[in-house]
PDB file of all heavy atoms in Angstrom:
ATOM      1  N   THR A   1     106.698 105.766  74.619  1.00  0.00           N
ATOM      2  CA  THR A   1     108.025 106.353  74.345  1.00  0.00           C
ATOM      3  C   THR A   1     109.188 105.892  75.222  1.00  0.00           C
ATOM      4  O   THR A   1     110.320 106.441  75.157  1.00  0.00           O
ATOM      5  CB  THR A   1     108.007 107.866  74.272  1.00  0.00           C
ATOM      6  OG1 THR A   1     107.522 108.401  75.400  1.00  0.00           O
ATOM      7  CG2 THR A   1     107.094 108.304  73.092  1.00  0.00           C
ATOM      8  N   CYS A   2     108.857 104.926  76.205  1.00  0.00           N
ATOM      9  CA  CYS A   2     109.826 104.614  77.161  1.00  0.00           C
ATOM     10  C   CYS A   2     110.971 103.833  76.500  1.00  0.00           C
ATOM     11  O   CYS A   2     110.746 103.236  75.425  1.00  0.00           O
ATOM     12  CB  CYS A   2     109.157 103.734  78.282  1.00  0.00           C
ATOM     13  SG  CYS A   2     108.865 102.112  77.882  1.00  0.00           S
ATOM     14  N   PRO A   3     112.158 103.918  77.097  1.00  0.00           N
ATOM     15  CA  PRO A   3     113.302 103.067  76.467  1.00  0.00           C
ATOM     16  C   PRO A   3     112.890 101.639  76.275  1.00  0.00           C
ATOM     17  O   PRO A   3     112.194 100.992  77.183  1.00  0.00           O
ATOM     18  CB  PRO A   3     114.370 103.272  77.462  1.00  0.00           C
ATOM     19  CG  PRO A   3     114.038 104.552  78.232  1.00  0.00           C
ATOM     20  CD  PRO A   3     112.564 104.524  78.255  1.00  0.00           C
ATOM     21  N   GLU A   4     113.396 101.087  75.183  1.00  0.00           N
ATOM     22  CA  GLU A   4     113.050  99.711  74.870  1.00  0.00           C
ATOM     23  C   GLU A   4     113.377  98.587  75.894  1.00  0.00           C
ATOM     24  O   GLU A   4     112.768  97.617  76.026  1.00  0.00           O
ATOM     25  CB  GLU A   4     113.521  99.370  73.435  1.00  0.00           C
ATOM     26  CG  GLU A   4     112.701 100.119  72.447  1.00  0.00           C
ATOM     27  CD  GLU A   4     113.212  99.965  71.016  1.00  0.00           C
ATOM     28  OE1 GLU A   4     114.184  99.180  70.827  1.00  0.00           O
ATOM     29  OE2 GLU A   4     112.507 100.455  70.032  1.00  0.00           O
ATOM     30  N   HIS A   5     114.551  98.792  76.568  1.00  0.00           N
ATOM     31  CA  HIS A   5     115.026  97.856  77.588  1.00  0.00           C
ATOM     32  C   HIS A   5     114.033  97.835  78.760  1.00  0.00           C
ATOM     33  O   HIS A   5     113.822  96.812  79.355  1.00  0.00           O
ATOM     34  CB  HIS A   5     116.492  98.149  78.041  1.00  0.00           C
ATOM     35  CG  HIS A   5     116.660  99.321  78.746  1.00  0.00           C
ATOM     36  ND1 HIS A   5     116.741 100.578  78.235  1.00  0.00           N
ATOM     37  CD2 HIS A   5     116.727  99.546  80.206  1.00  0.00           C
ATOM     38  CE1 HIS A   5     116.864 101.537  79.205  1.00  0.00           C
ATOM     39  NE2 HIS A   5     116.893 100.859  80.371  1.00  0.00           N
ATOM     40  N   LEU A   6     113.458  99.088  78.991  1.00  0.00           N
ATOM     41  CA  LEU A   6     112.415  99.071  80.088  1.00  0.00           C
ATOM     42  C   LEU A   6     111.092  98.425  79.595  1.00  0.00           C
ATOM     43  O   LEU A   6     110.349  97.891  80.495  1.00  0.00           O
ATOM     44  CB  LEU A   6     112.166 100.560  80.540  1.00  0.00           C
ATOM     45  CG  LEU A   6     113.316 101.332  81.125  1.00  0.00           C
ATOM     46  CD1 LEU A   6     112.915 102.669  81.596  1.00  0.00           C
ATOM     47  CD2 LEU A   6     113.827 100.448  82.493  1.00  0.00           C
ATOM     48  N   LEU A   7     110.886  98.523  78.277  1.00  0.00           N
ATOM     49  CA  LEU A   7     109.743  97.870  77.687  1.00  0.00           C
ATOM     50  C   LEU A   7     109.741  96.398  77.943  1.00  0.00           C
ATOM     51  O   LEU A   7     108.738  95.800  78.272  1.00  0.00           O
ATOM     52  CB  LEU A   7     109.641  98.246  76.219  1.00  0.00           C
ATOM     53  CG  LEU A   7     108.378  97.835  75.536  1.00  0.00           C
ATOM     54  CD1 LEU A   7     107.153  98.537  76.034  1.00  0.00           C
ATOM     55  CD2 LEU A   7     108.583  98.190  73.969  1.00  0.00           C
ATOM     56  N   VAL A   8     110.869  95.847  77.867  1.00  0.00           N
ATOM     57  CA  VAL A   8     111.082  94.328  78.080  1.00  0.00           C
ATOM     58  C   VAL A   8     110.649  94.052  79.432  1.00  0.00           C
ATOM     59  O   VAL A   8     110.036  93.119  79.738  1.00  0.00           O
ATOM     60  CB  VAL A   8     112.466  93.911  77.692  1.00  0.00           C
ATOM     61  CG1 VAL A   8     112.679  92.397  77.942  1.00  0.00           C
ATOM     62  CG2 VAL A   8     112.804  94.169  76.212  1.00  0.00           C
ATOM     63  N   ARG A   9     111.209  94.842  80.431  1.00  0.00           N
ATOM     64  CA  ARG A   9     110.866  94.523  81.813  1.00  0.00           C
ATOM     65  C   ARG A   9     109.533  94.763  82.146  1.00  0.00           C
ATOM     66  O   ARG A   9     108.846  93.963  82.872  1.00  0.00           O
ATOM     67  CB  ARG A   9     111.754  95.501  82.666  1.00  0.00           C
ATOM     68  CG  ARG A   9     113.340  95.111  82.654  1.00  0.00           C
ATOM     69  CD  ARG A   9     114.157  96.028  83.243  1.00  0.00           C
ATOM     70  NE  ARG A   9     113.784  96.276  84.668  1.00  0.00           N
ATOM     71  CZ  ARG A   9     114.382  97.219  85.455  1.00  0.00           C
ATOM     72  NH1 ARG A   9     115.324  98.051  84.839  1.00  0.00           N
ATOM     73  NH2 ARG A   9     114.045  97.386  86.737  1.00  0.00           N
ATOM     74  N   PHE A  10     108.838  95.749  81.547  1.00  0.00           N
ATOM     75  CA  PHE A  10     107.433  96.017  81.761  1.00  0.00           C
ATOM     76  C   PHE A  10     106.595  94.841  81.213  1.00  0.00           C
ATOM     77  O   PHE A  10     105.618  94.413  81.945  1.00  0.00           O
ATOM     78  CB  PHE A  10     106.964  97.391  81.040  1.00  0.00           C
ATOM     79  CG  PHE A  10     105.595  97.691  81.359  1.00  0.00           C
ATOM     80  CD1 PHE A  10     105.195  98.214  82.571  1.00  0.00           C
ATOM     81  CD2 PHE A  10     104.581  97.599  80.420  1.00  0.00           C
ATOM     82  CE1 PHE A  10     103.837  98.600  82.914  1.00  0.00           C
ATOM     83  CE2 PHE A  10     103.259  97.959  80.732  1.00  0.00           C
ATOM     84  CZ  PHE A  10     102.888  98.442  81.899  1.00  0.00           C
ATOM     85  N   CYS A  11     106.921  94.333  80.033  1.00  0.00           N
ATOM     86  CA  CYS A  11     106.157  93.193  79.519  1.00  0.00           C
ATOM     87  C   CYS A  11     106.362  91.952  80.379  1.00  0.00           C
ATOM     88  O   CYS A  11     105.414  91.205  80.637  1.00  0.00           O
ATOM     89  CB  CYS A  11     106.663  92.888  78.079  1.00  0.00           C
ATOM     90  SG  CYS A  11     105.999  94.143  76.862  1.00  0.00           S
ATOM     91  N   GLY A  12     107.554  91.706  80.982  1.00  0.00           N
ATOM     92  CA  GLY A  12     107.713  90.635  81.834  1.00  0.00           C
ATOM     93  C   GLY A  12     106.846  90.792  83.119  1.00  0.00           C
ATOM     94  O   GLY A  12     106.284  89.742  83.495  1.00  0.00           O
ATOM     95  N   TRP A  13     106.744  91.984  83.554  1.00  0.00           N
ATOM     96  CA  TRP A  13     105.830  92.212  84.695  1.00  0.00           C
ATOM     97  C   TRP A  13     104.374  91.996  84.332  1.00  0.00           C
ATOM     98  O   TRP A  13     103.660  91.413  85.195  1.00  0.00           O
ATOM     99  CB  TRP A  13     106.050  93.615  85.157  1.00  0.00           C
ATOM    100  CG  TRP A  13     105.131  94.138  86.300  1.00  0.00           C
ATOM    101  CD1 TRP A  13     105.274  93.837  87.640  1.00  0.00           C
ATOM    102  CD2 TRP A  13     103.943  94.886  86.125  1.00  0.00           C
ATOM    103  NE1 TRP A  13     104.212  94.389  88.268  1.00  0.00           N
ATOM    104  CE2 TRP A  13     103.458  95.051  87.465  1.00  0.00           C
ATOM    105  CE3 TRP A  13     103.333  95.453  84.995  1.00  0.00           C
ATOM    106  CZ2 TRP A  13     102.221  95.820  87.626  1.00  0.00           C
ATOM    107  CZ3 TRP A  13     102.162  96.122  85.270  1.00  0.00           C
ATOM    108  CH2 TRP A  13     101.534  96.273  86.522  1.00  0.00           C
ATOM    109  N   LEU A  14     104.015  92.420  83.149  1.00  0.00           N
ATOM    110  CA  LEU A  14     102.594  92.095  82.636  1.00  0.00           C
ATOM    111  C   LEU A  14     102.300  90.634  82.649  1.00  0.00           C
ATOM    112  O   LEU A  14     101.221  90.167  83.063  1.00  0.00           O
ATOM    113  CB  LEU A  14     102.375  92.716  81.242  1.00  0.00           C
ATOM    114  CG  LEU A  14     102.172  94.242  81.215  1.00  0.00           C
ATOM    115  CD1 LEU A  14     102.068  94.605  79.753  1.00  0.00           C
ATOM    116  CD2 LEU A  14     100.976  94.702  81.985  1.00  0.00           C
ATOM    117  N   LEU A  15     103.288  89.898  82.203  1.00  0.00           N
ATOM    118  CA  LEU A  15     103.059  88.427  82.037  1.00  0.00           C
ATOM    119  C   LEU A  15     102.875  87.745  83.336  1.00  0.00           C
ATOM    120  O   LEU A  15     102.257  86.689  83.457  1.00  0.00           O
ATOM    121  CB  LEU A  15     104.197  87.740  81.215  1.00  0.00           C
ATOM    122  CG  LEU A  15     104.390  88.154  79.757  1.00  0.00           C
ATOM    123  CD1 LEU A  15     105.474  87.369  79.117  1.00  0.00           C
ATOM    124  CD2 LEU A  15     103.044  88.001  78.986  1.00  0.00           C
ATOM    125  N   ALA A  16     103.471  88.347  84.410  1.00  0.00           N
ATOM    126  CA  ALA A  16     103.429  87.753  85.777  1.00  0.00           C
ATOM    127  C   ALA A  16     102.139  88.068  86.581  1.00  0.00           C
ATOM    128  O   ALA A  16     101.896  87.538  87.575  1.00  0.00           O
ATOM    129  CB  ALA A  16     104.640  88.206  86.595  1.00  0.00           C
ATOM    130  N   LEU A  17     101.381  89.029  85.942  1.00  0.00           N
ATOM    131  CA  LEU A  17     100.089  89.468  86.685  1.00  0.00           C
ATOM    132  C   LEU A  17      99.186  88.314  86.733  1.00  0.00           C
ATOM    133  O   LEU A  17      99.125  87.441  85.873  1.00  0.00           O
ATOM    134  CB  LEU A  17      99.427  90.599  85.907  1.00  0.00           C
ATOM    135  CG  LEU A  17     100.003  92.016  85.944  1.00  0.00           C
ATOM    136  CD1 LEU A  17      99.274  92.914  85.001  1.00  0.00           C
ATOM    137  CD2 LEU A  17     100.056  92.447  87.366  1.00  0.00           C
ATOM    138  N   SER A  18      98.519  88.293  87.961  1.00  0.00           N
ATOM    139  CA  SER A  18      97.425  87.258  88.097  1.00  0.00           C
ATOM    140  C   SER A  18      96.271  87.899  88.657  1.00  0.00           C
ATOM    141  O   SER A  18      96.349  88.686  89.743  1.00  0.00           O
ATOM    142  CB  SER A  18      97.887  86.162  89.003  1.00  0.00           C
ATOM    143  OG  SER A  18      97.024  85.178  89.142  1.00  0.00           O
ATOM    144  N   PRO A  19      95.052  87.932  88.201  1.00  0.00           N
ATOM    145  CA  PRO A  19      94.739  87.117  87.017  1.00  0.00           C
ATOM    146  C   PRO A  19      95.175  87.779  85.695  1.00  0.00           C
ATOM    147  O   PRO A  19      95.720  88.862  85.851  1.00  0.00           O
ATOM    148  CB  PRO A  19      93.172  87.085  87.076  1.00  0.00           C
ATOM    149  CG  PRO A  19      92.771  88.439  87.806  1.00  0.00           C
ATOM    150  CD  PRO A  19      93.884  88.596  88.785  1.00  0.00           C
ATOM    151  N   ASP A  20      95.081  87.059  84.567  1.00  0.00           N
ATOM    152  CA  ASP A  20      95.508  87.597  83.343  1.00  0.00           C
ATOM    153  C   ASP A  20      94.690  88.911  83.052  1.00  0.00           C
ATOM    154  O   ASP A  20      93.488  89.154  83.456  1.00  0.00           O
ATOM    155  CB  ASP A  20      95.241  86.749  82.205  1.00  0.00           C
ATOM    156  CG  ASP A  20      96.171  85.431  82.291  1.00  0.00           C
ATOM    157  OD1 ASP A  20      97.048  85.569  83.150  1.00  0.00           O
ATOM    158  OD2 ASP A  20      96.014  84.501  81.591  1.00  0.00           O
ATOM    159  N   LEU A  21      95.269  89.763  82.157  1.00  0.00           N
ATOM    160  CA  LEU A  21      94.607  90.972  81.660  1.00  0.00           C
ATOM    161  C   LEU A  21      93.412  90.514  80.860  1.00  0.00           C
ATOM    162  O   LEU A  21      93.426  89.517  80.225  1.00  0.00           O
ATOM    163  CB  LEU A  21      95.508  91.759  80.825  1.00  0.00           C
ATOM    164  CG  LEU A  21      96.823  92.390  81.375  1.00  0.00           C
ATOM    165  CD1 LEU A  21      97.734  93.013  80.304  1.00  0.00           C
ATOM    166  CD2 LEU A  21      96.412  93.487  82.438  1.00  0.00           C
ATOM    167  N   SER A  22      92.393  91.363  80.920  1.00  0.00           N
ATOM    168  CA  SER A  22      91.291  91.130  80.105  1.00  0.00           C
ATOM    169  C   SER A  22      91.628  91.402  78.531  1.00  0.00           C
ATOM    170  O   SER A  22      92.730  92.067  78.272  1.00  0.00           O
ATOM    171  CB  SER A  22      90.098  92.127  80.443  1.00  0.00           C
ATOM    172  OG  SER A  22      90.488  93.476  80.040  1.00  0.00           O
ATOM    173  N   TYR A  23      90.804  90.924  77.638  1.00  0.00           N
ATOM    174  CA  TYR A  23      91.142  91.095  76.255  1.00  0.00           C
ATOM    175  C   TYR A  23      91.252  92.701  75.964  1.00  0.00           C
ATOM    176  O   TYR A  23      92.116  93.066  75.232  1.00  0.00           O
ATOM    177  CB  TYR A  23      90.023  90.455  75.477  1.00  0.00           C
ATOM    178  CG  TYR A  23      90.162  90.593  73.988  1.00  0.00           C
ATOM    179  CD1 TYR A  23      90.708  89.685  73.273  1.00  0.00           C
ATOM    180  CD2 TYR A  23      89.779  91.733  73.252  1.00  0.00           C
ATOM    181  CE1 TYR A  23      90.927  89.655  71.816  1.00  0.00           C
ATOM    182  CE2 TYR A  23      89.998  91.914  71.963  1.00  0.00           C
ATOM    183  CZ  TYR A  23      90.486  90.851  71.178  1.00  0.00           C
ATOM    184  OH  TYR A  23      90.742  91.003  69.900  1.00  0.00           O
ATOM    185  N   THR A  24      90.213  93.389  76.434  1.00  0.00           N
ATOM    186  CA  THR A  24      90.205  94.798  76.175  1.00  0.00           C
ATOM    187  C   THR A  24      91.437  95.499  76.758  1.00  0.00           C
ATOM    188  O   THR A  24      92.110  96.353  76.020  1.00  0.00           O
ATOM    189  CB  THR A  24      88.962  95.525  76.815  1.00  0.00           C
ATOM    190  OG1 THR A  24      87.851  94.779  76.243  1.00  0.00           O
ATOM    191  CG2 THR A  24      88.960  96.933  76.422  1.00  0.00           C
ATOM    192  N   SER A  25      91.864  95.210  77.980  1.00  0.00           N
ATOM    193  CA  SER A  25      93.075  95.814  78.496  1.00  0.00           C
ATOM    194  C   SER A  25      94.380  95.415  77.738  1.00  0.00           C
ATOM    195  O   SER A  25      95.276  96.288  77.485  1.00  0.00           O
ATOM    196  CB  SER A  25      93.250  95.347  79.961  1.00  0.00           C
ATOM    197  OG  SER A  25      92.261  95.806  80.792  1.00  0.00           O
ATOM    198  N   ALA A  26      94.454  94.201  77.310  1.00  0.00           N
ATOM    199  CA  ALA A  26      95.566  93.799  76.561  1.00  0.00           C
ATOM    200  C   ALA A  26      95.573  94.504  75.179  1.00  0.00           C
ATOM    201  O   ALA A  26      96.615  94.887  74.738  1.00  0.00           O
ATOM    202  CB  ALA A  26      95.455  92.207  76.379  1.00  0.00           C
ATOM    203  N   ALA A  27      94.417  94.721  74.656  1.00  0.00           N
ATOM    204  CA  ALA A  27      94.354  95.392  73.294  1.00  0.00           C
ATOM    205  C   ALA A  27      94.839  96.842  73.479  1.00  0.00           C
ATOM    206  O   ALA A  27      95.597  97.367  72.585  1.00  0.00           O
ATOM    207  CB  ALA A  27      92.950  95.278  72.705  1.00  0.00           C
ATOM    208  N   VAL A  28      94.471  97.460  74.580  1.00  0.00           N
ATOM    209  CA  VAL A  28      94.762  98.905  74.810  1.00  0.00           C
ATOM    210  C   VAL A  28      96.356  98.890  75.054  1.00  0.00           C
ATOM    211  O   VAL A  28      97.076  99.791  74.472  1.00  0.00           O
ATOM    212  CB  VAL A  28      94.132  99.501  76.045  1.00  0.00           C
ATOM    213  CG1 VAL A  28      94.676 100.758  76.545  1.00  0.00           C
ATOM    214  CG2 VAL A  28      92.614  99.612  75.794  1.00  0.00           C
ATOM    215  N   LEU A  29      96.834  97.916  75.767  1.00  0.00           N
ATOM    216  CA  LEU A  29      98.266  97.924  75.988  1.00  0.00           C
ATOM    217  C   LEU A  29      99.042  97.634  74.778  1.00  0.00           C
ATOM    218  O   LEU A  29     100.126  98.251  74.534  1.00  0.00           O
ATOM    219  CB  LEU A  29      98.622  97.005  77.140  1.00  0.00           C
ATOM    220  CG  LEU A  29      98.337  97.445  78.554  1.00  0.00           C
ATOM    221  CD1 LEU A  29      98.389  96.377  79.519  1.00  0.00           C
ATOM    222  CD2 LEU A  29      99.172  98.599  78.972  1.00  0.00           C
ATOM    223  N   ALA A  30      98.498  96.734  73.934  1.00  0.00           N
ATOM    224  CA  ALA A  30      99.242  96.375  72.650  1.00  0.00           C
ATOM    225  C   ALA A  30      99.431  97.735  71.831  1.00  0.00           C
ATOM    226  O   ALA A  30     100.441  97.990  71.214  1.00  0.00           O
ATOM    227  CB  ALA A  30      98.508  95.419  71.856  1.00  0.00           C
ATOM    228  N   GLU A  31      98.283  98.477  71.824  1.00  0.00           N
ATOM    229  CA  GLU A  31      98.309  99.629  71.019  1.00  0.00           C
ATOM    230  C   GLU A  31      99.227 100.736  71.642  1.00  0.00           C
ATOM    231  O   GLU A  31     100.161 101.289  70.988  1.00  0.00           O
ATOM    232  CB  GLU A  31      96.907 100.309  70.914  1.00  0.00           C
ATOM    233  CG  GLU A  31      96.880 101.592  70.180  1.00  0.00           C
ATOM    234  CD  GLU A  31      95.536 102.195  70.074  1.00  0.00           C
ATOM    235  OE1 GLU A  31      94.564 101.607  70.546  1.00  0.00           O
ATOM    236  OE2 GLU A  31      95.349 103.371  69.628  1.00  0.00           O
ATOM    237  N   GLN A  32      99.192 100.952  72.915  1.00  0.00           N
ATOM    238  CA  GLN A  32      99.978 101.965  73.668  1.00  0.00           C
ATOM    239  C   GLN A  32     101.468 101.566  73.741  1.00  0.00           C
ATOM    240  O   GLN A  32     102.338 102.357  73.524  1.00  0.00           O
ATOM    241  CB  GLN A  32      99.476 102.098  75.068  1.00  0.00           C
ATOM    242  CG  GLN A  32      98.056 102.660  75.219  1.00  0.00           C
ATOM    243  CD  GLN A  32      98.047 104.225  74.825  1.00  0.00           C
ATOM    244  OE1 GLN A  32      98.835 104.931  75.081  1.00  0.00           O
ATOM    245  NE2 GLN A  32      96.859 104.400  74.132  1.00  0.00           N
ATOM    246  N   LEU A  33     101.836 100.331  73.941  1.00  0.00           N
ATOM    247  CA  LEU A  33     103.141  99.975  73.969  1.00  0.00           C
ATOM    248  C   LEU A  33     103.971  99.858  72.675  1.00  0.00           C
ATOM    249  O   LEU A  33     105.208 100.198  72.604  1.00  0.00           O
ATOM    250  CB  LEU A  33     103.281  98.622  74.621  1.00  0.00           C
ATOM    251  CG  LEU A  33     102.879  98.497  76.120  1.00  0.00           C
ATOM    252  CD1 LEU A  33     102.886  97.066  76.699  1.00  0.00           C
ATOM    253  CD2 LEU A  33     103.737  99.370  76.941  1.00  0.00           C
ATOM    254  N   PHE A  34     103.177  99.420  71.576  1.00  0.00           N
ATOM    255  CA  PHE A  34     103.873  99.029  70.411  1.00  0.00           C
ATOM    256  C   PHE A  34     103.512  99.694  69.100  1.00  0.00           C
ATOM    257  O   PHE A  34     104.366  99.760  68.216  1.00  0.00           O
ATOM    258  CB  PHE A  34     103.673  97.434  70.156  1.00  0.00           C
ATOM    259  CG  PHE A  34     104.199  96.647  71.306  1.00  0.00           C
ATOM    260  CD1 PHE A  34     103.263  95.875  72.057  1.00  0.00           C
ATOM    261  CD2 PHE A  34     105.480  96.593  71.697  1.00  0.00           C
ATOM    262  CE1 PHE A  34     103.735  95.040  73.075  1.00  0.00           C
ATOM    263  CE2 PHE A  34     105.995  95.813  72.759  1.00  0.00           C
ATOM    264  CZ  PHE A  34     105.085  95.026  73.437  1.00  0.00           C
ATOM    265  N   LEU A  35     102.376 100.190  69.042  1.00  0.00           N
ATOM    266  CA  LEU A  35     101.828 100.615  67.661  1.00  0.00           C
ATOM    267  C   LEU A  35     102.645 101.720  67.118  1.00  0.00           C
ATOM    268  O   LEU A  35     103.254 101.579  65.893  1.00  0.00           O
ATOM    269  CB  LEU A  35     100.339 101.050  67.738  1.00  0.00           C
ATOM    270  CG  LEU A  35      99.696 101.269  66.334  1.00  0.00           C
ATOM    271  CD1 LEU A  35      99.794 100.080  65.475  1.00  0.00           C
ATOM    272  CD2 LEU A  35      98.211 101.709  66.569  1.00  0.00           C
ATOM    273  N   ARG A  36     103.005 102.754  67.864  1.00  0.00           N
ATOM    274  CA  ARG A  36     103.758 103.842  67.356  1.00  0.00           C
ATOM    275  C   ARG A  36     105.084 103.491  67.057  1.00  0.00           C
ATOM    276  O   ARG A  36     105.696 103.766  65.976  1.00  0.00           O
ATOM    277  CB  ARG A  36     103.710 105.074  68.357  1.00  0.00           C
ATOM    278  CG  ARG A  36     104.550 106.274  67.896  1.00  0.00           C
ATOM    279  CD  ARG A  36     104.774 107.302  68.916  1.00  0.00           C
ATOM    280  NE  ARG A  36     103.556 107.752  69.488  1.00  0.00           N
ATOM    281  CZ  ARG A  36     103.527 108.709  70.434  1.00  0.00           C
ATOM    282  NH1 ARG A  36     104.549 109.157  71.068  1.00  0.00           N
ATOM    283  NH2 ARG A  36     102.289 109.150  70.893  1.00  0.00           N
TER     284      ARG A  36
END
């Protein structure tokens, strides 16, 4: 439910993570960030 402009910044931060997220973590985040 976070404001959408913060969502953009959060996704930018996720893309910069190293190493990349695991498939399972990315799936959880896809659901939590976007599904609702």
